[in-house]
Amino acid sequence: MHKPTIQDVARRAGVGVGTVSRVLNNHAAVRASTRESVLGAIAELNYTPNPHARRIAGGKSYTISVLLPVVTTEFYVRLLDGLEHAFQEARYDVAIFPLLDRSRLERYLGSHTLAYQADGLVMATYNLTQMFQQGTNIRPYSGPTVLVDAFAEGVDCAYMDNVLGGRVAGEYASQLGGQLYAVWVETELDQLFTTRVFDDRRSGFMEAVEQAGQTVRGEYTSSFDSLNARMVAVQLLDEAVLPATVFASADLLAGALLDEAQARGLQLGRDLRVIGFDDQPWAQGRGLTTLHQPVEAMGYEAAQLLLTRLSGHEGPPRARRFEPRLVVRSSSQ
């Protein structure tokens, strides 16, 4: 048996090859009944498009580049899941480009790397669009661009309301009693260009604490490195006046606090109360009170914004706002 072709699919569905192509490219100008018929024929024939032929025929790469700070944290794994789900539905491949350090950042800002040979670009957490144009006439990428986990005027974005999340955490923490402490995220990349994510969480938290007539006794910073997070947890608990409540601005930092508290024999909910931010998959099993983020949904929505641009949408920039939600568990009860 020969490998099924797009012509075979067209004959089975009773449509033209162009219609099959539009269905494969997720084009909006296809009737639902026709799309169903084509997809049914594809499934029956077990047809797999030839990506090389598709690229040549369409004059497109059918690839989306994703620039993100790192690839090793649970947050970005979940974010990529949401992005890839949407892009794979539309038959786009995803190329991941982690920034990681200063040298990589400078290379991406000042050159035409492979990252800019894609049909669209997703920037996670950090907004590089302005930096593309600062002090140079070279703009590495001029195609459709979407921000995810970040907000900026003049560009499509899907973002979390981190001010609200910080405020909810502050209001809750202020009710728990004991001394208040906080641990904030500081990464090397934060020193190179601006992200509002953790600044927004801090501003919302501090505003709520102040409105409640409370004060934060100590503030600490940690990178996303697990060893550094544990060292900061040791320092905080060495210096804390118990009972204490700690808001950790990312679950990874909260997890380090839980580990150190357990090592010291502290009783969660009595000696120490911990509030995280993210609601990572392990948070429920460890009883961590945290701010739930619909990370996968945010990634999926960002991808949809980009896909509509690739389909010809030319309207003004759109912003999709997501709200964190407090999930109370045993670490604060």
C-alpha atoms as a PDB file:
ATOM      1  CA  MET A   1       0.000   0.000   0.000  1.00  0.00           C
ATOM      2  CA  HIS A   2       1.270   3.441  -0.889  1.00  0.00           C
ATOM      3  CA  LYS A   3       1.520   6.180   1.698  1.00  0.00           C
ATOM      4  CA  PRO A   4      -1.683   8.287   1.536  1.00  0.00           C
ATOM      5  CA  THR A   5      -1.309  11.694  -0.069  1.00  0.00           C
ATOM      6  CA  ILE A   6      -3.207  14.947   0.227  1.00  0.00           C
ATOM      7  CA  GLN A   7      -4.885  14.044  -3.086  1.00  0.00           C
ATOM      8  CA  ASP A   8      -6.168  10.816  -1.513  1.00  0.00           C
ATOM      9  CA  VAL A   9      -7.625  12.810   1.389  1.00  0.00           C
ATOM     10  CA  ALA A  10      -9.292  15.235  -1.016  1.00  0.00           C
ATOM     11  CA  ARG A  11     -10.895  12.406  -3.002  1.00  0.00           C
ATOM     12  CA  ARG A  12     -12.103  10.621   0.154  1.00  0.00           C
ATOM     13  CA  ALA A  13     -13.646  13.839   1.519  1.00  0.00           C
ATOM     14  CA  GLY A  14     -15.024  14.949  -1.852  1.00  0.00           C
ATOM     15  CA  VAL A  15     -13.267  18.311  -1.788  1.00  0.00           C
ATOM     16  CA  GLY A  16     -10.383  20.009  -3.525  1.00  0.00           C
ATOM     17  CA  VAL A  17      -6.753  19.806  -2.446  1.00  0.00           C
ATOM     18  CA  GLY A  18      -6.862  23.491  -1.519  1.00  0.00           C
ATOM     19  CA  THR A  19      -9.665  22.815   0.976  1.00  0.00           C
ATOM     20  CA  VAL A  20      -7.644  20.036   2.613  1.00  0.00           C
ATOM     21  CA  SER A  21      -4.692  22.421   2.850  1.00  0.00           C
ATOM     22  CA  ARG A  22      -6.845  25.063   4.522  1.00  0.00           C
ATOM     23  CA  VAL A  23      -8.073  22.532   7.077  1.00  0.00           C
ATOM     24  CA  LEU A  24      -4.495  21.418   7.782  1.00  0.00           C
ATOM     25  CA  ASN A  25      -3.511  25.050   8.299  1.00  0.00           C
ATOM     26  CA  ASN A  26      -6.500  25.628  10.581  1.00  0.00           C
ATOM     27  CA  HIS A  27      -7.822  28.358   8.288  1.00  0.00           C
ATOM     28  CA  ALA A  28     -11.020  30.017   9.481  1.00  0.00           C
ATOM     29  CA  ALA A  29     -12.623  30.100   6.010  1.00  0.00           C
ATOM     30  CA  VAL A  30     -13.790  26.467   6.060  1.00  0.00           C
ATOM     31  CA  ARG A  31     -17.338  25.384   6.912  1.00  0.00           C
ATOM     32  CA  ALA A  32     -17.632  23.204  10.002  1.00  0.00           C
ATOM     33  CA  SER A  33     -19.230  20.331   8.057  1.00  0.00           C
ATOM     34  CA  THR A  34     -16.450  20.437   5.463  1.00  0.00           C
ATOM     35  CA  ARG A  35     -13.776  20.543   8.143  1.00  0.00           C
ATOM     36  CA  GLU A  36     -15.355  17.497   9.811  1.00  0.00           C
ATOM     37  CA  SER A  37     -15.396  15.606   6.531  1.00  0.00           C
ATOM     38  CA  VAL A  38     -11.739  16.383   5.827  1.00  0.00           C
ATOM     39  CA  LEU A  39     -10.618  15.492   9.343  1.00  0.00           C
ATOM     40  CA  GLY A  40     -12.569  12.252   9.092  1.00  0.00           C
ATOM     41  CA  ALA A  41     -10.827  11.374   5.834  1.00  0.00           C
ATOM     42  CA  ILE A  42      -7.437  12.165   7.392  1.00  0.00           C
ATOM     43  CA  ALA A  43      -8.196   9.839  10.297  1.00  0.00           C
ATOM     44  CA  GLU A  44      -9.517   7.039   8.079  1.00  0.00           C
ATOM     45  CA  LEU A  45      -6.472   7.149   5.803  1.00  0.00           C
ATOM     46  CA  ASN A  46      -4.048   7.741   8.660  1.00  0.00           C
ATOM     47  CA  TYR A  47      -2.662  10.610   6.583  1.00  0.00           C
ATOM     48  CA  THR A  48       0.384  12.495   7.867  1.00  0.00           C
ATOM     49  CA  PRO A  49       1.287  15.755   6.103  1.00  0.00           C
ATOM     50  CA  ASN A  50       4.769  16.044   4.651  1.00  0.00           C
ATOM     51  CA  PRO A  51       6.209  18.967   6.638  1.00  0.00           C
ATOM     52  CA  HIS A  52       8.898  19.693   4.047  1.00  0.00           C
ATOM     53  CA  ALA A  53       6.392  19.901   1.205  1.00  0.00           C
ATOM     54  CA  ARG A  54       4.061  21.956   3.365  1.00  0.00           C
ATOM     55  CA  ARG A  55       6.787  24.508   4.043  1.00  0.00           C
ATOM     56  CA  ILE A  56       7.769  24.797   0.390  1.00  0.00           C
ATOM     57  CA  ALA A  57       4.160  25.078  -0.800  1.00  0.00           C
ATOM     58  CA  GLY A  58       3.179  27.665   1.759  1.00  0.00           C
ATOM     59  CA  GLY A  59       6.344  29.741   1.845  1.00  0.00           C
ATOM     60  CA  LYS A  60       6.257  29.473   5.642  1.00  0.00           C
ATOM     61  CA  SER A  61       8.342  27.690   8.227  1.00  0.00           C
ATOM     62  CA  TYR A  62       5.346  26.476  10.281  1.00  0.00           C
ATOM     63  CA  THR A  63       7.546  27.001  13.307  1.00  0.00           C
ATOM     64  CA  ILE A  64       7.014  29.227  16.350  1.00  0.00           C
ATOM     65  CA  SER A  65       9.973  30.412  18.401  1.00  0.00           C
ATOM     66  CA  VAL A  66       9.577  30.660  22.168  1.00  0.00           C
ATOM     67  CA  LEU A  67      12.069  32.778  24.125  1.00  0.00           C
ATOM     68  CA  LEU A  68      11.954  32.098  27.853  1.00  0.00           C
ATOM     69  CA  PRO A  69      14.318  32.621  30.804  1.00  0.00           C
ATOM     70  CA  VAL A  70      14.930  28.958  31.694  1.00  0.00           C
ATOM     71  CA  VAL A  71      13.492  25.545  30.879  1.00  0.00           C
ATOM     72  CA  THR A  72      14.086  23.701  34.141  1.00  0.00           C
ATOM     73  CA  THR A  73      11.409  25.128  36.439  1.00  0.00           C
ATOM     74  CA  GLU A  74       7.970  23.576  36.812  1.00  0.00           C
ATOM     75  CA  PHE A  75       6.296  26.868  35.891  1.00  0.00           C
ATOM     76  CA  TYR A  76       7.901  26.998  32.443  1.00  0.00           C
ATOM     77  CA  VAL A  77       7.296  23.305  31.805  1.00  0.00           C
ATOM     78  CA  ARG A  78       3.600  23.923  32.425  1.00  0.00           C
ATOM     79  CA  LEU A  79       3.625  27.108  30.336  1.00  0.00           C
ATOM     80  CA  LEU A  80       5.207  25.251  27.426  1.00  0.00           C
ATOM     81  CA  ASP A  81       2.555  22.543  27.738  1.00  0.00           C
ATOM     82  CA  GLY A  82      -0.151  25.141  27.172  1.00  0.00           C
ATOM     83  CA  LEU A  83       1.686  26.777  24.267  1.00  0.00           C
ATOM     84  CA  GLU A  84       2.550  23.506  22.551  1.00  0.00           C
ATOM     85  CA  HIS A  85      -0.983  22.146  22.905  1.00  0.00           C
ATOM     86  CA  ALA A  86      -2.408  25.054  20.907  1.00  0.00           C
ATOM     87  CA  PHE A  87       0.376  25.175  18.317  1.00  0.00           C
ATOM     88  CA  GLN A  88       0.264  21.424  17.716  1.00  0.00           C
ATOM     89  CA  GLU A  89      -3.492  21.643  17.159  1.00  0.00           C
ATOM     90  CA  ALA A  90      -2.714  24.138  14.380  1.00  0.00           C
ATOM     91  CA  ARG A  91       0.160  21.923  13.118  1.00  0.00           C
ATOM     92  CA  TYR A  92       2.949  24.321  14.044  1.00  0.00           C
ATOM     93  CA  ASP A  93       6.236  23.133  15.491  1.00  0.00           C
ATOM     94  CA  VAL A  94       7.717  24.878  18.533  1.00  0.00           C
ATOM     95  CA  ALA A  95      11.384  25.837  18.828  1.00  0.00           C
ATOM     96  CA  ILE A  96      12.498  26.694  22.365  1.00  0.00           C
ATOM     97  CA  PHE A  97      15.254  29.239  23.007  1.00  0.00           C
ATOM     98  CA  PRO A  98      16.205  29.644  26.696  1.00  0.00           C
ATOM     99  CA  LEU A  99      17.989  32.904  27.553  1.00  0.00           C
ATOM    100  CA  LEU A 100      19.810  31.471  30.591  1.00  0.00           C
ATOM    101  CA  ASP A 101      22.557  34.087  30.917  1.00  0.00           C
ATOM    102  CA  ARG A 102      23.902  37.457  29.783  1.00  0.00           C
ATOM    103  CA  SER A 103      25.812  36.157  26.762  1.00  0.00           C
ATOM    104  CA  ARG A 104      22.752  34.424  25.327  1.00  0.00           C
ATOM    105  CA  LEU A 105      20.589  37.489  25.940  1.00  0.00           C
ATOM    106  CA  GLU A 106      23.030  39.757  24.121  1.00  0.00           C
ATOM    107  CA  ARG A 107      23.212  37.338  21.208  1.00  0.00           C
ATOM    108  CA  TYR A 108      19.434  37.214  20.857  1.00  0.00           C
ATOM    109  CA  LEU A 109      19.097  40.990  21.067  1.00  0.00           C
ATOM    110  CA  GLY A 110      21.711  41.807  18.457  1.00  0.00           C
ATOM    111  CA  SER A 111      21.614  39.159  15.764  1.00  0.00           C
ATOM    112  CA  HIS A 112      19.464  37.301  13.279  1.00  0.00           C
ATOM    113  CA  THR A 113      19.647  33.927  14.993  1.00  0.00           C
ATOM    114  CA  LEU A 114      17.548  30.904  14.139  1.00  0.00           C
ATOM    115  CA  ALA A 115      14.988  32.138  16.678  1.00  0.00           C
ATOM    116  CA  TYR A 116      13.916  34.888  14.266  1.00  0.00           C
ATOM    117  CA  GLN A 117      13.434  32.628  11.246  1.00  0.00           C
ATOM    118  CA  ALA A 118      10.057  31.457  12.532  1.00  0.00           C
ATOM    119  CA  ASP A 119       6.567  32.541  11.523  1.00  0.00           C
ATOM    120  CA  GLY A 120       5.838  33.936  14.982  1.00  0.00           C
ATOM    121  CA  LEU A 121       7.544  34.687  18.279  1.00  0.00           C
ATOM    122  CA  VAL A 122       6.453  34.136  21.883  1.00  0.00           C
ATOM    123  CA  MET A 123       8.322  35.919  24.672  1.00  0.00           C
ATOM    124  CA  ALA A 124       7.773  34.499  28.150  1.00  0.00           C
ATOM    125  CA  THR A 125       7.923  36.679  31.285  1.00  0.00           C
ATOM    126  CA  TYR A 126      10.328  39.264  29.847  1.00  0.00           C
ATOM    127  CA  ASN A 127       9.348  41.906  27.310  1.00  0.00           C
ATOM    128  CA  LEU A 128      12.218  42.270  24.851  1.00  0.00           C
ATOM    129  CA  THR A 129      10.279  44.160  22.186  1.00  0.00           C
ATOM    130  CA  GLN A 130      11.485  47.559  23.398  1.00  0.00           C
ATOM    131  CA  MET A 131      15.067  46.393  23.767  1.00  0.00           C
ATOM    132  CA  PHE A 132      15.057  45.282  20.143  1.00  0.00           C
ATOM    133  CA  GLN A 133      14.910  48.954  19.217  1.00  0.00           C
ATOM    134  CA  GLN A 134      17.030  50.643  21.875  1.00  0.00           C
ATOM    135  CA  GLY A 135      20.275  52.140  20.609  1.00  0.00           C
ATOM    136  CA  THR A 136      20.152  50.370  17.265  1.00  0.00           C
ATOM    137  CA  ASN A 137      18.345  50.425  13.949  1.00  0.00           C
ATOM    138  CA  ILE A 138      18.473  46.647  13.811  1.00  0.00           C
ATOM    139  CA  ARG A 139      15.305  44.924  14.906  1.00  0.00           C
ATOM    140  CA  PRO A 140      15.975  41.186  14.955  1.00  0.00           C
ATOM    141  CA  TYR A 141      12.323  40.267  14.431  1.00  0.00           C
ATOM    142  CA  SER A 142       9.396  42.073  12.872  1.00  0.00           C
ATOM    143  CA  GLY A 143       6.854  39.268  12.618  1.00  0.00           C
ATOM    144  CA  PRO A 144       3.848  38.594  14.867  1.00  0.00           C
ATOM    145  CA  THR A 145       4.893  38.624  18.532  1.00  0.00           C
ATOM    146  CA  VAL A 146       3.007  37.706  21.700  1.00  0.00           C
ATOM    147  CA  LEU A 147       3.990  38.117  25.339  1.00  0.00           C
ATOM    148  CA  VAL A 148       3.013  35.466  27.872  1.00  0.00           C
ATOM    149  CA  ASP A 149       3.338  35.910  31.636  1.00  0.00           C
ATOM    150  CA  ALA A 150       4.003  39.588  30.906  1.00  0.00           C
ATOM    151  CA  PHE A 151       2.025  42.697  30.031  1.00  0.00           C
ATOM    152  CA  ALA A 152       2.988  45.621  27.812  1.00  0.00           C
ATOM    153  CA  GLU A 153       1.154  48.211  25.765  1.00  0.00           C
ATOM    154  CA  GLY A 154       1.287  47.814  22.012  1.00  0.00           C
ATOM    155  CA  VAL A 155       1.668  44.035  21.821  1.00  0.00           C
ATOM    156  CA  ASP A 156      -0.645  41.036  22.245  1.00  0.00           C
ATOM    157  CA  CYS A 157      -0.208  39.477  25.672  1.00  0.00           C
ATOM    158  CA  ALA A 158      -1.635  36.902  28.063  1.00  0.00           C
ATOM    159  CA  TYR A 159      -0.687  37.635  31.634  1.00  0.00           C
ATOM    160  CA  MET A 160      -1.411  36.899  35.270  1.00  0.00           C
ATOM    161  CA  ASP A 161      -2.656  39.667  37.571  1.00  0.00           C
ATOM    162  CA  ASN A 162       0.250  39.361  39.988  1.00  0.00           C
ATOM    163  CA  VAL A 163      -0.682  42.508  41.914  1.00  0.00           C
ATOM    164  CA  LEU A 164      -4.005  40.887  42.750  1.00  0.00           C
ATOM    165  CA  GLY A 165      -2.240  37.650  43.714  1.00  0.00           C
ATOM    166  CA  GLY A 166       0.116  39.467  46.043  1.00  0.00           C
ATOM    167  CA  ARG A 167      -2.766  41.390  47.560  1.00  0.00           C
ATOM    168  CA  VAL A 168      -4.761  38.222  48.240  1.00  0.00           C
ATOM    169  CA  ALA A 169      -1.695  36.637  49.853  1.00  0.00           C
ATOM    170  CA  GLY A 170      -1.136  39.743  51.987  1.00  0.00           C
ATOM    171  CA  GLU A 171      -4.730  39.905  53.164  1.00  0.00           C
ATOM    172  CA  TYR A 172      -4.679  36.239  54.131  1.00  0.00           C
ATOM    173  CA  ALA A 173      -1.248  36.350  55.785  1.00  0.00           C
ATOM    174  CA  SER A 174      -2.268  39.363  57.874  1.00  0.00           C
ATOM    175  CA  GLN A 175      -5.081  37.331  59.456  1.00  0.00           C
ATOM    176  CA  LEU A 176      -2.885  34.441  60.579  1.00  0.00           C
ATOM    177  CA  GLY A 177      -1.024  36.082  63.431  1.00  0.00           C
ATOM    178  CA  GLY A 178       2.657  35.924  64.375  1.00  0.00           C
ATOM    179  CA  GLN A 179       5.496  37.790  62.693  1.00  0.00           C
ATOM    180  CA  LEU A 180       5.317  38.289  58.922  1.00  0.00           C
ATOM    181  CA  TYR A 181       8.199  37.448  56.566  1.00  0.00           C
ATOM    182  CA  ALA A 182       8.523  37.284  52.776  1.00  0.00           C
ATOM    183  CA  VAL A 183      10.857  35.667  50.258  1.00  0.00           C
ATOM    184  CA  TRP A 184      11.134  37.231  46.808  1.00  0.00           C
ATOM    185  CA  VAL A 185      12.572  35.831  43.595  1.00  0.00           C
ATOM    186  CA  GLU A 186      15.746  37.353  42.238  1.00  0.00           C
ATOM    187  CA  THR A 187      17.338  35.871  39.131  1.00  0.00           C
ATOM    188  CA  GLU A 188      20.382  36.942  37.187  1.00  0.00           C
ATOM    189  CA  LEU A 189      18.145  37.838  34.260  1.00  0.00           C
ATOM    190  CA  ASP A 190      16.189  40.265  36.434  1.00  0.00           C
ATOM    191  CA  GLN A 191      19.326  42.414  36.579  1.00  0.00           C
ATOM    192  CA  LEU A 192      19.548  42.606  32.795  1.00  0.00           C
ATOM    193  CA  PHE A 193      16.060  43.689  31.849  1.00  0.00           C
ATOM    194  CA  THR A 194      12.786  44.322  33.542  1.00  0.00           C
ATOM    195  CA  THR A 195      10.050  41.915  34.486  1.00  0.00           C
ATOM    196  CA  ARG A 196       7.099  43.092  36.530  1.00  0.00           C
ATOM    197  CA  VAL A 197       6.039  39.655  37.761  1.00  0.00           C
ATOM    198  CA  PHE A 198       7.715  39.591  41.178  1.00  0.00           C
ATOM    199  CA  ASP A 199       7.642  43.359  41.662  1.00  0.00           C
ATOM    200  CA  ASP A 200       3.888  43.207  41.161  1.00  0.00           C
ATOM    201  CA  ARG A 201       3.511  40.369  43.666  1.00  0.00           C
ATOM    202  CA  ARG A 202       5.511  42.336  46.206  1.00  0.00           C
ATOM    203  CA  SER A 203       3.599  45.577  45.688  1.00  0.00           C
ATOM    204  CA  GLY A 204       0.238  43.842  46.088  1.00  0.00           C
ATOM    205  CA  PHE A 205       1.412  41.970  49.183  1.00  0.00           C
ATOM    206  CA  MET A 206       2.937  45.004  50.898  1.00  0.00           C
ATOM    207  CA  GLU A 207      -0.116  47.136  50.123  1.00  0.00           C
ATOM    208  CA  ALA A 208      -2.473  44.587  51.698  1.00  0.00           C
ATOM    209  CA  VAL A 209      -0.262  44.132  54.775  1.00  0.00           C
ATOM    210  CA  GLU A 210      -0.091  47.884  55.317  1.00  0.00           C
ATOM    211  CA  GLN A 211      -3.850  48.266  54.927  1.00  0.00           C
ATOM    212  CA  ALA A 212      -4.287  45.555  57.559  1.00  0.00           C
ATOM    213  CA  GLY A 213      -2.114  47.560  59.968  1.00  0.00           C
ATOM    214  CA  GLN A 214       0.649  44.942  59.903  1.00  0.00           C
ATOM    215  CA  THR A 215       4.353  45.132  59.081  1.00  0.00           C
ATOM    216  CA  VAL A 216       6.769  42.711  57.429  1.00  0.00           C
ATOM    217  CA  ARG A 217       9.534  41.934  59.895  1.00  0.00           C
ATOM    218  CA  GLY A 218      11.996  40.554  57.327  1.00  0.00           C
ATOM    219  CA  GLU A 219      12.359  40.268  53.545  1.00  0.00           C
ATOM    220  CA  TYR A 220      14.679  37.811  51.788  1.00  0.00           C
ATOM    221  CA  THR A 221      15.592  37.107  48.169  1.00  0.00           C
ATOM    222  CA  SER A 222      16.461  33.858  46.442  1.00  0.00           C
ATOM    223  CA  SER A 223      17.146  32.659  42.927  1.00  0.00           C
ATOM    224  CA  PHE A 224      15.298  29.727  41.379  1.00  0.00           C
ATOM    225  CA  ASP A 225      18.241  27.490  42.243  1.00  0.00           C
ATOM    226  CA  SER A 226      17.038  24.869  44.740  1.00  0.00           C
ATOM    227  CA  LEU A 227      20.268  24.982  46.762  1.00  0.00           C
ATOM    228  CA  ASN A 228      20.088  28.758  47.078  1.00  0.00           C
ATOM    229  CA  ALA A 229      16.410  28.525  48.033  1.00  0.00           C
ATOM    230  CA  ARG A 230      17.284  26.104  50.853  1.00  0.00           C
ATOM    231  CA  MET A 231      20.105  28.388  52.081  1.00  0.00           C
ATOM    232  CA  VAL A 232      17.690  31.319  52.218  1.00  0.00           C
ATOM    233  CA  ALA A 233      15.176  29.146  54.094  1.00  0.00           C
ATOM    234  CA  VAL A 234      17.887  28.310  56.649  1.00  0.00           C
ATOM    235  CA  GLN A 235      18.760  31.981  57.091  1.00  0.00           C
ATOM    236  CA  LEU A 236      15.123  33.032  57.441  1.00  0.00           C
ATOM    237  CA  LEU A 237      14.296  30.393  60.050  1.00  0.00           C
ATOM    238  CA  ASP A 238      17.523  31.131  61.934  1.00  0.00           C
ATOM    239  CA  GLU A 239      16.467  34.757  62.251  1.00  0.00           C
ATOM    240  CA  ALA A 240      12.676  34.425  62.509  1.00  0.00           C
ATOM    241  CA  VAL A 241      10.690  35.052  65.653  1.00  0.00           C
ATOM    242  CA  LEU A 242       8.221  32.193  65.980  1.00  0.00           C
ATOM    243  CA  PRO A 243       5.356  31.751  65.470  1.00  0.00           C
ATOM    244  CA  ALA A 244       5.785  33.221  61.998  1.00  0.00           C
ATOM    245  CA  THR A 245       3.981  33.461  58.679  1.00  0.00           C
ATOM    246  CA  VAL A 246       6.033  33.480  55.477  1.00  0.00           C
ATOM    247  CA  PHE A 247       4.878  34.428  51.998  1.00  0.00           C
ATOM    248  CA  ALA A 248       7.162  32.836  49.396  1.00  0.00           C
ATOM    249  CA  SER A 249       6.604  34.435  45.992  1.00  0.00           C
ATOM    250  CA  ALA A 250       7.095  31.105  44.174  1.00  0.00           C
ATOM    251  CA  ASP A 251       6.274  27.553  45.216  1.00  0.00           C
ATOM    252  CA  LEU A 252       9.879  26.458  44.705  1.00  0.00           C
ATOM    253  CA  LEU A 253      10.897  28.816  47.520  1.00  0.00           C
ATOM    254  CA  ALA A 254       7.967  27.692  49.664  1.00  0.00           C
ATOM    255  CA  GLY A 255       9.012  24.073  49.173  1.00  0.00           C
ATOM    256  CA  ALA A 256      12.478  24.851  50.539  1.00  0.00           C
ATOM    257  CA  LEU A 257      10.852  26.366  53.626  1.00  0.00           C
ATOM    258  CA  LEU A 258       8.733  23.253  54.126  1.00  0.00           C
ATOM    259  CA  ASP A 259      11.842  21.070  53.883  1.00  0.00           C
ATOM    260  CA  GLU A 260      13.792  23.159  56.387  1.00  0.00           C
ATOM    261  CA  ALA A 261      10.850  23.368  58.787  1.00  0.00           C
ATOM    262  CA  GLN A 262      10.531  19.594  58.713  1.00  0.00           C
ATOM    263  CA  ALA A 263      14.269  19.176  59.329  1.00  0.00           C
ATOM    264  CA  ARG A 264      13.951  21.397  62.423  1.00  0.00           C
ATOM    265  CA  GLY A 265      10.889  19.634  63.748  1.00  0.00           C
ATOM    266  CA  LEU A 266       8.703  22.719  63.416  1.00  0.00           C
ATOM    267  CA  GLN A 267       4.958  22.202  63.312  1.00  0.00           C
ATOM    268  CA  LEU A 268       3.323  23.779  60.296  1.00  0.00           C
ATOM    269  CA  GLY A 269       0.231  25.766  61.160  1.00  0.00           C
ATOM    270  CA  ARG A 270       1.488  26.366  64.697  1.00  0.00           C
ATOM    271  CA  ASP A 271       5.181  27.342  64.672  1.00  0.00           C
ATOM    272  CA  LEU A 272       5.303  28.286  61.016  1.00  0.00           C
ATOM    273  CA  ARG A 273       2.737  29.093  58.345  1.00  0.00           C
ATOM    274  CA  VAL A 274       3.829  29.083  54.702  1.00  0.00           C
ATOM    275  CA  ILE A 275       2.053  30.583  51.684  1.00  0.00           C
ATOM    276  CA  GLY A 276       3.381  29.961  48.177  1.00  0.00           C
ATOM    277  CA  PHE A 277       2.521  31.154  44.686  1.00  0.00           C
ATOM    278  CA  ASP A 278       1.942  28.933  41.600  1.00  0.00           C
ATOM    279  CA  ASP A 279       0.139  25.795  42.885  1.00  0.00           C
ATOM    280  CA  GLN A 280       2.601  23.421  41.269  1.00  0.00           C
ATOM    281  CA  PRO A 281       1.465  19.790  40.838  1.00  0.00           C
ATOM    282  CA  TRP A 282       3.219  18.712  44.059  1.00  0.00           C
ATOM    283  CA  ALA A 283       1.708  21.490  46.202  1.00  0.00           C
ATOM    284  CA  GLN A 284      -1.475  19.612  47.084  1.00  0.00           C
ATOM    285  CA  GLY A 285       0.428  16.515  48.201  1.00  0.00           C
ATOM    286  CA  ARG A 286       2.581  18.585  50.521  1.00  0.00           C
ATOM    287  CA  GLY A 287      -0.344  20.554  51.897  1.00  0.00           C
ATOM    288  CA  LEU A 288       0.997  23.891  50.674  1.00  0.00           C
ATOM    289  CA  THR A 289      -1.287  26.899  50.852  1.00  0.00           C
ATOM    290  CA  THR A 290      -0.647  28.788  47.650  1.00  0.00           C
ATOM    291  CA  LEU A 291      -1.992  31.049  44.908  1.00  0.00           C
ATOM    292  CA  HIS A 292      -3.184  28.868  42.043  1.00  0.00           C
ATOM    293  CA  GLN A 293      -2.159  30.070  38.588  1.00  0.00           C
ATOM    294  CA  PRO A 294      -3.917  28.686  35.482  1.00  0.00           C
ATOM    295  CA  VAL A 295      -0.515  28.464  33.786  1.00  0.00           C
ATOM    296  CA  GLU A 296      -1.457  26.063  31.000  1.00  0.00           C
ATOM    297  CA  ALA A 297      -4.550  28.121  30.127  1.00  0.00           C
ATOM    298  CA  MET A 298      -2.440  31.282  29.973  1.00  0.00           C
ATOM    299  CA  GLY A 299       0.000  29.593  27.586  1.00  0.00           C
ATOM    300  CA  TYR A 300      -2.820  28.243  25.439  1.00  0.00           C
ATOM    301  CA  GLU A 301      -4.452  31.672  25.180  1.00  0.00           C
ATOM    302  CA  ALA A 302      -1.145  33.325  24.233  1.00  0.00           C
ATOM    303  CA  ALA A 303      -0.744  30.790  21.445  1.00  0.00           C
ATOM    304  CA  GLN A 304      -4.267  31.481  20.188  1.00  0.00           C
ATOM    305  CA  LEU A 305      -3.504  35.208  20.051  1.00  0.00           C
ATOM    306  CA  LEU A 306      -0.481  34.505  17.875  1.00  0.00           C
ATOM    307  CA  LEU A 307      -2.329  32.028  15.662  1.00  0.00           C
ATOM    308  CA  THR A 308      -5.034  34.585  14.875  1.00  0.00           C
ATOM    309  CA  ARG A 309      -2.322  37.027  13.798  1.00  0.00           C
ATOM    310  CA  LEU A 310      -0.852  34.352  11.549  1.00  0.00           C
ATOM    311  CA  SER A 311      -4.331  33.846  10.085  1.00  0.00           C
ATOM    312  CA  GLY A 312      -4.536  37.495   9.104  1.00  0.00           C
ATOM    313  CA  HIS A 313      -5.969  39.337  12.121  1.00  0.00           C
ATOM    314  CA  GLU A 314      -4.844  42.969  11.968  1.00  0.00           C
ATOM    315  CA  GLY A 315      -6.732  44.548  14.842  1.00  0.00           C
ATOM    316  CA  PRO A 316      -5.265  46.476  17.777  1.00  0.00           C
ATOM    317  CA  PRO A 317      -3.177  44.707  20.451  1.00  0.00           C
ATOM    318  CA  ARG A 318      -5.174  42.477  22.782  1.00  0.00           C
ATOM    319  CA  ALA A 319      -4.568  41.681  26.456  1.00  0.00           C
ATOM    320  CA  ARG A 320      -5.869  38.544  28.169  1.00  0.00           C
ATOM    321  CA  ARG A 321      -5.820  38.832  31.952  1.00  0.00           C
ATOM    322  CA  PHE A 322      -5.838  35.814  34.288  1.00  0.00           C
ATOM    323  CA  GLU A 323      -6.462  35.897  38.036  1.00  0.00           C
ATOM    324  CA  PRO A 324      -4.644  33.795  40.665  1.00  0.00           C
ATOM    325  CA  ARG A 325      -6.829  32.059  43.264  1.00  0.00           C
ATOM    326  CA  LEU A 326      -5.972  31.320  46.900  1.00  0.00           C
ATOM    327  CA  VAL A 327      -5.983  27.601  47.801  1.00  0.00           C
ATOM    328  CA  VAL A 328      -5.785  27.076  51.575  1.00  0.00           C
ATOM    329  CA  ARG A 329      -4.115  23.887  52.819  1.00  0.00           C
ATOM    330  CA  SER A 330      -2.464  22.582  55.968  1.00  0.00           C
ATOM    331  CA  SER A 331       0.756  24.633  55.731  1.00  0.00           C
ATOM    332  CA  SER A 332      -1.136  27.663  57.023  1.00  0.00           C
ATOM    333  CA  GLN A 333      -3.839  26.037  59.197  1.00  0.00           C
END
